[in-house]
Amino acid sequence: MRKKDRNSIRFIVSIVLCSMITFSAMSQEKGYVKIFNGKTLKGWDGDLSHWKVENGVIVGEVTPQNQLNNNTFLIWTGGRVGDFELKLQYKISKGGNSGIQYRSEEVPGVPFGLKGYQADIDGKNEYTGLNYEERGRGFIAKRGEKVVVDSLGKPDLISTLGTSDELAKKISNDDWNEYHLVVKGNHMQHYINGVLMSEATDNDLVNRKLTGLLGLQAHVTPEMRVEFKNIRIKQEN
């Protein structure tokens, strides 16, 4: 085969592969809607002394000069979420604590306070990836756990997904990571960078929630900074 023909074949193959990769990426994102425009906090509501848009990303910040009395949330105003998938990129620094709140309710008397399920994020990656119920039952499924919560609200460990330390190695420190939540019925899965970090099935009919608000957390702490971008959601009801 002549060199010219080989080069032509290589070119065609590269075009086909690029097309396949692009098609695959588009298929994976089918049905997702962006809910942050990258410019303003339109569609979100929160304490603007702690939340802002900077360089195309949402920033939640607590400083020694600007403290919190209670955890505060930037709440999506696009409606309640039930069965959904959420993808976003986040970066946390200064050892802070944050999270993605979902199927949550407002806390009476606490401006921009929420209670409900949370996909945890922390700067030291001790808790990142677990399922925690803010102002509720506490730990639902720790990182590395697949649990079923019984009718009395007790989490029963069914199997492990790996040790917490092993899974922490899949999470970048002081850099961007992608969170992916898959929440359907009473079943919740938290993925980071494509790795399943925790999984829970909630059979507690009294305390579980099947719909509620979506929010981003800034936690009470001496100092923290969390950033979010490329936020998109796919809802099924």
C-alpha atoms as a PDB file:
ATOM      1  CA  MET A   1       0.000   0.000   0.000  1.00  0.00           C
ATOM      2  CA  ARG A   2       1.323   3.411  -0.938  1.00  0.00           C
ATOM      3  CA  LYS A   3       2.180   5.898   1.825  1.00  0.00           C
ATOM      4  CA  LYS A   4      -0.417   8.331   0.455  1.00  0.00           C
ATOM      5  CA  ASP A   5      -3.142   5.685   0.710  1.00  0.00           C
ATOM      6  CA  ARG A   6      -2.103   4.782   4.266  1.00  0.00           C
ATOM      7  CA  ASN A   7      -2.290   8.438   5.305  1.00  0.00           C
ATOM      8  CA  SER A   8      -5.745   8.749   3.743  1.00  0.00           C
ATOM      9  CA  ILE A   9      -6.964   5.692   5.656  1.00  0.00           C
ATOM     10  CA  ARG A  10      -5.544   7.044   8.924  1.00  0.00           C
ATOM     11  CA  PHE A  11      -7.318  10.360   8.316  1.00  0.00           C
ATOM     12  CA  ILE A  12     -10.665   8.669   7.651  1.00  0.00           C
ATOM     13  CA  VAL A  13     -10.312   6.461  10.738  1.00  0.00           C
ATOM     14  CA  SER A  14      -9.502   9.488  12.914  1.00  0.00           C
ATOM     15  CA  ILE A  15     -12.606  11.300  11.619  1.00  0.00           C
ATOM     16  CA  VAL A  16     -14.796   8.263  12.344  1.00  0.00           C
ATOM     17  CA  LEU A  17     -13.377   7.864  15.863  1.00  0.00           C
ATOM     18  CA  CYS A  18     -13.892  11.552  16.634  1.00  0.00           C
ATOM     19  CA  SER A  19     -17.482  11.298  15.396  1.00  0.00           C
ATOM     20  CA  MET A  20     -18.103   8.228  17.556  1.00  0.00           C
ATOM     21  CA  ILE A  21     -16.693   9.949  20.649  1.00  0.00           C
ATOM     22  CA  THR A  22     -18.781  13.069  19.991  1.00  0.00           C
ATOM     23  CA  PHE A  23     -21.928  11.004  19.435  1.00  0.00           C
ATOM     24  CA  SER A  24     -21.278   9.032  22.620  1.00  0.00           C
ATOM     25  CA  ALA A  25     -20.839  12.209  24.658  1.00  0.00           C
ATOM     26  CA  MET A  26     -24.032  13.689  23.207  1.00  0.00           C
ATOM     27  CA  SER A  27     -25.942  10.481  23.944  1.00  0.00           C
ATOM     28  CA  GLN A  28     -24.783  10.490  27.561  1.00  0.00           C
ATOM     29  CA  GLU A  29     -25.963  14.080  27.984  1.00  0.00           C
ATOM     30  CA  LYS A  30     -29.299  13.583  26.230  1.00  0.00           C
ATOM     31  CA  GLY A  31     -32.123  15.029  28.270  1.00  0.00           C
ATOM     32  CA  TYR A  32     -29.920  17.195  30.490  1.00  0.00           C
ATOM     33  CA  VAL A  33     -30.674  20.907  30.904  1.00  0.00           C
ATOM     34  CA  LYS A  34     -28.139  23.469  32.114  1.00  0.00           C
ATOM     35  CA  ILE A  35     -29.399  25.313  35.199  1.00  0.00           C
ATOM     36  CA  PHE A  36     -26.493  27.751  35.632  1.00  0.00           C
ATOM     37  CA  ASN A  37     -25.840  30.214  32.837  1.00  0.00           C
ATOM     38  CA  GLY A  38     -22.216  30.847  33.787  1.00  0.00           C
ATOM     39  CA  LYS A  39     -22.797  34.590  34.160  1.00  0.00           C
ATOM     40  CA  THR A  40     -25.325  35.362  36.904  1.00  0.00           C
ATOM     41  CA  LEU A  41     -27.275  33.666  39.712  1.00  0.00           C
ATOM     42  CA  LYS A  42     -30.488  33.859  37.707  1.00  0.00           C
ATOM     43  CA  GLY A  43     -32.579  30.839  38.692  1.00  0.00           C
ATOM     44  CA  TRP A  44     -30.951  30.625  42.120  1.00  0.00           C
ATOM     45  CA  ASP A  45     -31.714  32.255  45.476  1.00  0.00           C
ATOM     46  CA  GLY A  46     -29.445  32.637  48.476  1.00  0.00           C
ATOM     47  CA  ASP A  47     -27.494  34.900  50.803  1.00  0.00           C
ATOM     48  CA  LEU A  48     -25.528  37.052  48.386  1.00  0.00           C
ATOM     49  CA  SER A  49     -23.028  37.974  51.064  1.00  0.00           C
ATOM     50  CA  HIS A  50     -21.770  34.381  50.744  1.00  0.00           C
ATOM     51  CA  TRP A  51     -22.642  33.485  47.133  1.00  0.00           C
ATOM     52  CA  LYS A  52     -21.512  35.082  43.878  1.00  0.00           C
ATOM     53  CA  VAL A  53     -20.474  34.331  40.286  1.00  0.00           C
ATOM     54  CA  GLU A  54     -16.796  34.809  39.580  1.00  0.00           C
ATOM     55  CA  ASN A  55     -14.951  33.913  36.369  1.00  0.00           C
ATOM     56  CA  GLY A  56     -17.892  31.840  35.124  1.00  0.00           C
ATOM     57  CA  VAL A  57     -18.366  29.733  38.261  1.00  0.00           C
ATOM     58  CA  ILE A  58     -20.614  29.864  41.325  1.00  0.00           C
ATOM     59  CA  VAL A  59     -18.573  30.629  44.422  1.00  0.00           C
ATOM     60  CA  GLY A  60     -19.653  29.991  48.005  1.00  0.00           C
ATOM     61  CA  GLU A  61     -17.351  31.586  50.538  1.00  0.00           C
ATOM     62  CA  VAL A  62     -16.945  32.017  54.284  1.00  0.00           C
ATOM     63  CA  THR A  63     -14.165  34.259  55.590  1.00  0.00           C
ATOM     64  CA  PRO A  64     -12.965  35.259  59.072  1.00  0.00           C
ATOM     65  CA  GLN A  65     -14.572  38.645  58.446  1.00  0.00           C
ATOM     66  CA  ASN A  66     -17.853  37.210  57.097  1.00  0.00           C
ATOM     67  CA  GLN A  67     -19.021  34.308  59.273  1.00  0.00           C
ATOM     68  CA  LEU A  68     -22.158  32.167  59.309  1.00  0.00           C
ATOM     69  CA  ASN A  69     -24.463  31.386  62.226  1.00  0.00           C
ATOM     70  CA  ASN A  70     -26.134  28.521  60.342  1.00  0.00           C
ATOM     71  CA  ASN A  71     -25.343  26.521  57.228  1.00  0.00           C
ATOM     72  CA  THR A  72     -26.635  28.466  54.263  1.00  0.00           C
ATOM     73  CA  PHE A  73     -27.760  27.249  50.836  1.00  0.00           C
ATOM     74  CA  LEU A  74     -27.967  28.598  47.336  1.00  0.00           C
ATOM     75  CA  ILE A  75     -31.369  27.235  46.331  1.00  0.00           C
ATOM     76  CA  TRP A  76     -32.410  26.437  42.772  1.00  0.00           C
ATOM     77  CA  THR A  77     -35.707  28.168  42.005  1.00  0.00           C
ATOM     78  CA  GLY A  78     -36.598  25.952  39.044  1.00  0.00           C
ATOM     79  CA  GLY A  79     -38.975  23.778  41.076  1.00  0.00           C
ATOM     80  CA  ARG A  80     -38.913  20.666  43.208  1.00  0.00           C
ATOM     81  CA  VAL A  81     -36.904  17.629  42.136  1.00  0.00           C
ATOM     82  CA  GLY A  82     -38.194  14.072  42.346  1.00  0.00           C
ATOM     83  CA  ASP A  83     -36.609  11.430  40.120  1.00  0.00           C
ATOM     84  CA  PHE A  84     -33.586  13.065  38.523  1.00  0.00           C
ATOM     85  CA  GLU A  85     -29.952  12.911  37.548  1.00  0.00           C
ATOM     86  CA  LEU A  86     -27.634  15.812  38.286  1.00  0.00           C
ATOM     87  CA  LYS A  87     -24.141  16.431  36.986  1.00  0.00           C
ATOM     88  CA  LEU A  88     -21.834  19.257  38.007  1.00  0.00           C
ATOM     89  CA  GLN A  89     -18.199  20.051  38.533  1.00  0.00           C
ATOM     90  CA  TYR A  90     -16.953  21.301  41.883  1.00  0.00           C
ATOM     91  CA  LYS A  91     -13.736  22.445  43.525  1.00  0.00           C
ATOM     92  CA  ILE A  92     -13.270  23.073  47.248  1.00  0.00           C
ATOM     93  CA  SER A  93     -10.367  24.694  49.061  1.00  0.00           C
ATOM     94  CA  LYS A  94      -9.309  26.017  52.450  1.00  0.00           C
ATOM     95  CA  GLY A  95     -10.451  22.793  54.117  1.00  0.00           C
ATOM     96  CA  GLY A  96     -14.103  23.740  53.939  1.00  0.00           C
ATOM     97  CA  ASN A  97     -17.318  21.748  54.000  1.00  0.00           C
ATOM     98  CA  SER A  98     -20.082  21.818  51.409  1.00  0.00           C
ATOM     99  CA  GLY A  99     -22.524  19.572  49.623  1.00  0.00           C
ATOM    100  CA  ILE A 100     -25.370  19.198  47.157  1.00  0.00           C
ATOM    101  CA  GLN A 101     -28.724  19.280  48.911  1.00  0.00           C
ATOM    102  CA  TYR A 102     -31.653  17.507  47.226  1.00  0.00           C
ATOM    103  CA  ARG A 103     -35.279  16.550  47.916  1.00  0.00           C
ATOM    104  CA  SER A 104     -35.020  19.054  50.752  1.00  0.00           C
ATOM    105  CA  GLU A 105     -37.317  21.407  52.651  1.00  0.00           C
ATOM    106  CA  GLU A 106     -36.782  24.930  53.942  1.00  0.00           C
ATOM    107  CA  VAL A 107     -36.038  25.305  57.659  1.00  0.00           C
ATOM    108  CA  PRO A 108     -38.536  27.635  59.377  1.00  0.00           C
ATOM    109  CA  GLY A 109     -36.839  30.658  60.908  1.00  0.00           C
ATOM    110  CA  VAL A 110     -33.500  30.029  59.162  1.00  0.00           C
ATOM    111  CA  PRO A 111     -33.047  32.153  56.032  1.00  0.00           C
ATOM    112  CA  PHE A 112     -31.901  29.932  53.151  1.00  0.00           C
ATOM    113  CA  GLY A 113     -31.686  26.942  55.481  1.00  0.00           C
ATOM    114  CA  LEU A 114     -32.486  23.476  54.124  1.00  0.00           C
ATOM    115  CA  LYS A 115     -33.002  20.033  55.605  1.00  0.00           C
ATOM    116  CA  GLY A 116     -32.867  16.784  53.656  1.00  0.00           C
ATOM    117  CA  TYR A 117     -30.538  14.508  51.709  1.00  0.00           C
ATOM    118  CA  GLN A 118     -27.048  15.768  50.950  1.00  0.00           C
ATOM    119  CA  ALA A 119     -24.268  14.543  48.695  1.00  0.00           C
ATOM    120  CA  ASP A 120     -21.360  15.590  50.881  1.00  0.00           C
ATOM    121  CA  ILE A 121     -18.245  17.537  49.876  1.00  0.00           C
ATOM    122  CA  ASP A 122     -15.340  18.452  52.158  1.00  0.00           C
ATOM    123  CA  GLY A 123     -11.891  19.875  51.564  1.00  0.00           C
ATOM    124  CA  LYS A 124     -10.067  17.055  53.347  1.00  0.00           C
ATOM    125  CA  ASN A 125     -12.066  14.369  51.466  1.00  0.00           C
ATOM    126  CA  GLU A 126     -13.022  12.628  54.692  1.00  0.00           C
ATOM    127  CA  TYR A 127     -16.736  12.675  53.887  1.00  0.00           C
ATOM    128  CA  THR A 128     -16.964  13.537  50.186  1.00  0.00           C
ATOM    129  CA  GLY A 129     -19.338  11.187  48.363  1.00  0.00           C
ATOM    130  CA  LEU A 130     -21.433  10.013  51.278  1.00  0.00           C
ATOM    131  CA  ASN A 131     -25.180  10.494  51.791  1.00  0.00           C
ATOM    132  CA  TYR A 132     -26.013  12.632  54.821  1.00  0.00           C
ATOM    133  CA  GLU A 133     -29.409  13.911  55.923  1.00  0.00           C
ATOM    134  CA  GLU A 134     -29.017  17.542  56.994  1.00  0.00           C
ATOM    135  CA  ARG A 135     -31.016  18.345  60.139  1.00  0.00           C
ATOM    136  CA  GLY A 136     -32.423  14.816  60.073  1.00  0.00           C
ATOM    137  CA  ARG A 137     -31.205  11.263  60.504  1.00  0.00           C
ATOM    138  CA  GLY A 138     -27.538  12.096  59.920  1.00  0.00           C
ATOM    139  CA  PHE A 139     -25.411   9.556  58.050  1.00  0.00           C
ATOM    140  CA  ILE A 140     -27.487   7.526  55.594  1.00  0.00           C
ATOM    141  CA  ALA A 141     -24.684   5.843  53.640  1.00  0.00           C
ATOM    142  CA  LYS A 142     -21.007   6.537  54.267  1.00  0.00           C
ATOM    143  CA  ARG A 143     -18.465   6.517  51.458  1.00  0.00           C
ATOM    144  CA  GLY A 144     -17.915   2.945  50.312  1.00  0.00           C
ATOM    145  CA  GLU A 145     -21.263   1.720  51.634  1.00  0.00           C
ATOM    146  CA  LYS A 146     -24.302   0.243  49.938  1.00  0.00           C
ATOM    147  CA  VAL A 147     -27.098   0.378  52.498  1.00  0.00           C
ATOM    148  CA  VAL A 148     -30.805  -0.226  52.893  1.00  0.00           C
ATOM    149  CA  VAL A 149     -32.561   1.944  55.463  1.00  0.00           C
ATOM    150  CA  ASP A 150     -35.239  -0.110  57.208  1.00  0.00           C
ATOM    151  CA  SER A 151     -38.755   1.027  58.106  1.00  0.00           C
ATOM    152  CA  LEU A 152     -37.521   2.328  61.472  1.00  0.00           C
ATOM    153  CA  GLY A 153     -34.823   4.491  59.889  1.00  0.00           C
ATOM    154  CA  LYS A 154     -31.824   2.238  60.648  1.00  0.00           C
ATOM    155  CA  PRO A 155     -29.233   1.946  57.845  1.00  0.00           C
ATOM    156  CA  ASP A 156     -28.258  -1.697  57.245  1.00  0.00           C
ATOM    157  CA  LEU A 157     -25.001  -2.323  55.391  1.00  0.00           C
ATOM    158  CA  ILE A 158     -25.649  -4.648  52.441  1.00  0.00           C
ATOM    159  CA  SER A 159     -22.242  -4.588  50.770  1.00  0.00           C
ATOM    160  CA  THR A 160     -19.171  -2.423  50.296  1.00  0.00           C
ATOM    161  CA  LEU A 161     -18.063  -0.480  47.242  1.00  0.00           C
ATOM    162  CA  GLY A 162     -14.454  -0.262  48.404  1.00  0.00           C
ATOM    163  CA  THR A 163     -12.797   1.247  51.452  1.00  0.00           C
ATOM    164  CA  SER A 164     -13.240   4.944  52.143  1.00  0.00           C
ATOM    165  CA  ASP A 165      -9.501   5.511  51.702  1.00  0.00           C
ATOM    166  CA  GLU A 166      -9.401   3.647  48.378  1.00  0.00           C
ATOM    167  CA  LEU A 167     -12.294   5.688  47.014  1.00  0.00           C
ATOM    168  CA  ALA A 168     -10.779   8.949  48.279  1.00  0.00           C
ATOM    169  CA  LYS A 169      -7.877   8.368  45.881  1.00  0.00           C
ATOM    170  CA  LYS A 170     -10.333   8.835  42.985  1.00  0.00           C
ATOM    171  CA  ILE A 171     -11.066  12.390  44.161  1.00  0.00           C
ATOM    172  CA  SER A 172      -8.758  15.284  43.260  1.00  0.00           C
ATOM    173  CA  ASN A 173      -7.654  17.673  45.998  1.00  0.00           C
ATOM    174  CA  ASP A 174      -7.944  21.413  45.310  1.00  0.00           C
ATOM    175  CA  ASP A 175      -8.959  20.668  41.720  1.00  0.00           C
ATOM    176  CA  TRP A 176     -12.101  20.060  39.696  1.00  0.00           C
ATOM    177  CA  ASN A 177     -14.134  16.874  40.177  1.00  0.00           C
ATOM    178  CA  GLU A 178     -17.437  15.809  38.633  1.00  0.00           C
ATOM    179  CA  TYR A 179     -20.337  14.813  40.854  1.00  0.00           C
ATOM    180  CA  HIS A 180     -23.119  12.707  39.354  1.00  0.00           C
ATOM    181  CA  LEU A 181     -26.272  11.989  41.350  1.00  0.00           C
ATOM    182  CA  VAL A 182     -28.734   9.315  40.216  1.00  0.00           C
ATOM    183  CA  VAL A 183     -31.901   9.532  42.313  1.00  0.00           C
ATOM    184  CA  LYS A 184     -34.943   7.444  41.412  1.00  0.00           C
ATOM    185  CA  GLY A 185     -37.758   6.495  43.758  1.00  0.00           C
ATOM    186  CA  ASN A 186     -36.215   5.651  47.114  1.00  0.00           C
ATOM    187  CA  HIS A 187     -32.875   4.700  45.539  1.00  0.00           C
ATOM    188  CA  MET A 188     -29.908   7.132  45.583  1.00  0.00           C
ATOM    189  CA  GLN A 189     -26.450   6.778  44.037  1.00  0.00           C
ATOM    190  CA  HIS A 190     -23.582   9.261  44.382  1.00  0.00           C
ATOM    191  CA  TYR A 191     -20.791   9.088  41.775  1.00  0.00           C
ATOM    192  CA  ILE A 192     -17.615  11.186  41.654  1.00  0.00           C
ATOM    193  CA  ASN A 193     -15.430  11.134  38.553  1.00  0.00           C
ATOM    194  CA  GLY A 194     -17.436   8.136  37.324  1.00  0.00           C
ATOM    195  CA  VAL A 195     -16.857   6.084  40.505  1.00  0.00           C
ATOM    196  CA  LEU A 196     -19.776   5.005  42.725  1.00  0.00           C
ATOM    197  CA  MET A 197     -19.051   6.397  46.189  1.00  0.00           C
ATOM    198  CA  SER A 198     -22.244   5.527  48.083  1.00  0.00           C
ATOM    199  CA  GLU A 199     -25.615   3.921  47.422  1.00  0.00           C
ATOM    200  CA  ALA A 200     -28.756   3.942  49.552  1.00  0.00           C
ATOM    201  CA  THR A 201     -32.287   2.594  49.386  1.00  0.00           C
ATOM    202  CA  ASP A 202     -34.551   4.372  51.887  1.00  0.00           C
ATOM    203  CA  ASN A 203     -37.479   2.301  53.176  1.00  0.00           C
ATOM    204  CA  ASP A 204     -38.266   4.663  56.065  1.00  0.00           C
ATOM    205  CA  LEU A 205     -41.796   5.701  55.092  1.00  0.00           C
ATOM    206  CA  VAL A 206     -41.984   8.350  57.822  1.00  0.00           C
ATOM    207  CA  ASN A 207     -38.753  10.262  57.177  1.00  0.00           C
ATOM    208  CA  ARG A 208     -37.777   9.649  53.566  1.00  0.00           C
ATOM    209  CA  LYS A 209     -38.535  12.260  50.930  1.00  0.00           C
ATOM    210  CA  LEU A 210     -39.408  11.592  47.307  1.00  0.00           C
ATOM    211  CA  THR A 211     -39.454  15.227  46.215  1.00  0.00           C
ATOM    212  CA  GLY A 212     -38.055  18.544  47.373  1.00  0.00           C
ATOM    213  CA  LEU A 213     -35.685  21.433  46.771  1.00  0.00           C
ATOM    214  CA  LEU A 214     -32.189  21.416  45.283  1.00  0.00           C
ATOM    215  CA  GLY A 215     -29.410  23.525  46.749  1.00  0.00           C
ATOM    216  CA  LEU A 216     -25.675  24.059  47.210  1.00  0.00           C
ATOM    217  CA  GLN A 217     -24.192  24.386  50.694  1.00  0.00           C
ATOM    218  CA  ALA A 218     -21.825  26.780  52.427  1.00  0.00           C
ATOM    219  CA  HIS A 219     -21.068  25.351  55.875  1.00  0.00           C
ATOM    220  CA  VAL A 220     -20.404  27.058  59.192  1.00  0.00           C
ATOM    221  CA  THR A 221     -16.587  27.130  59.462  1.00  0.00           C
ATOM    222  CA  PRO A 222     -13.838  29.699  60.086  1.00  0.00           C
ATOM    223  CA  GLU A 223     -12.951  29.801  56.395  1.00  0.00           C
ATOM    224  CA  MET A 224     -13.935  28.000  53.200  1.00  0.00           C
ATOM    225  CA  ARG A 225     -14.374  28.405  49.468  1.00  0.00           C
ATOM    226  CA  VAL A 226     -16.327  26.101  47.163  1.00  0.00           C
ATOM    227  CA  GLU A 227     -16.865  26.509  43.419  1.00  0.00           C
ATOM    228  CA  PHE A 228     -19.450  24.956  41.100  1.00  0.00           C
ATOM    229  CA  LYS A 229     -19.790  24.998  37.317  1.00  0.00           C
ATOM    230  CA  ASN A 230     -21.355  23.156  34.379  1.00  0.00           C
ATOM    231  CA  ILE A 231     -24.492  22.307  36.376  1.00  0.00           C
ATOM    232  CA  ARG A 232     -27.070  20.293  34.447  1.00  0.00           C
ATOM    233  CA  ILE A 233     -30.082  18.236  35.413  1.00  0.00           C
ATOM    234  CA  LYS A 234     -32.263  15.570  33.824  1.00  0.00           C
ATOM    235  CA  GLN A 235     -35.681  15.123  35.411  1.00  0.00           C
ATOM    236  CA  GLU A 236     -38.060  12.241  34.886  1.00  0.00           C
ATOM    237  CA  ASN A 237     -41.178  13.683  36.464  1.00  0.00           C
END
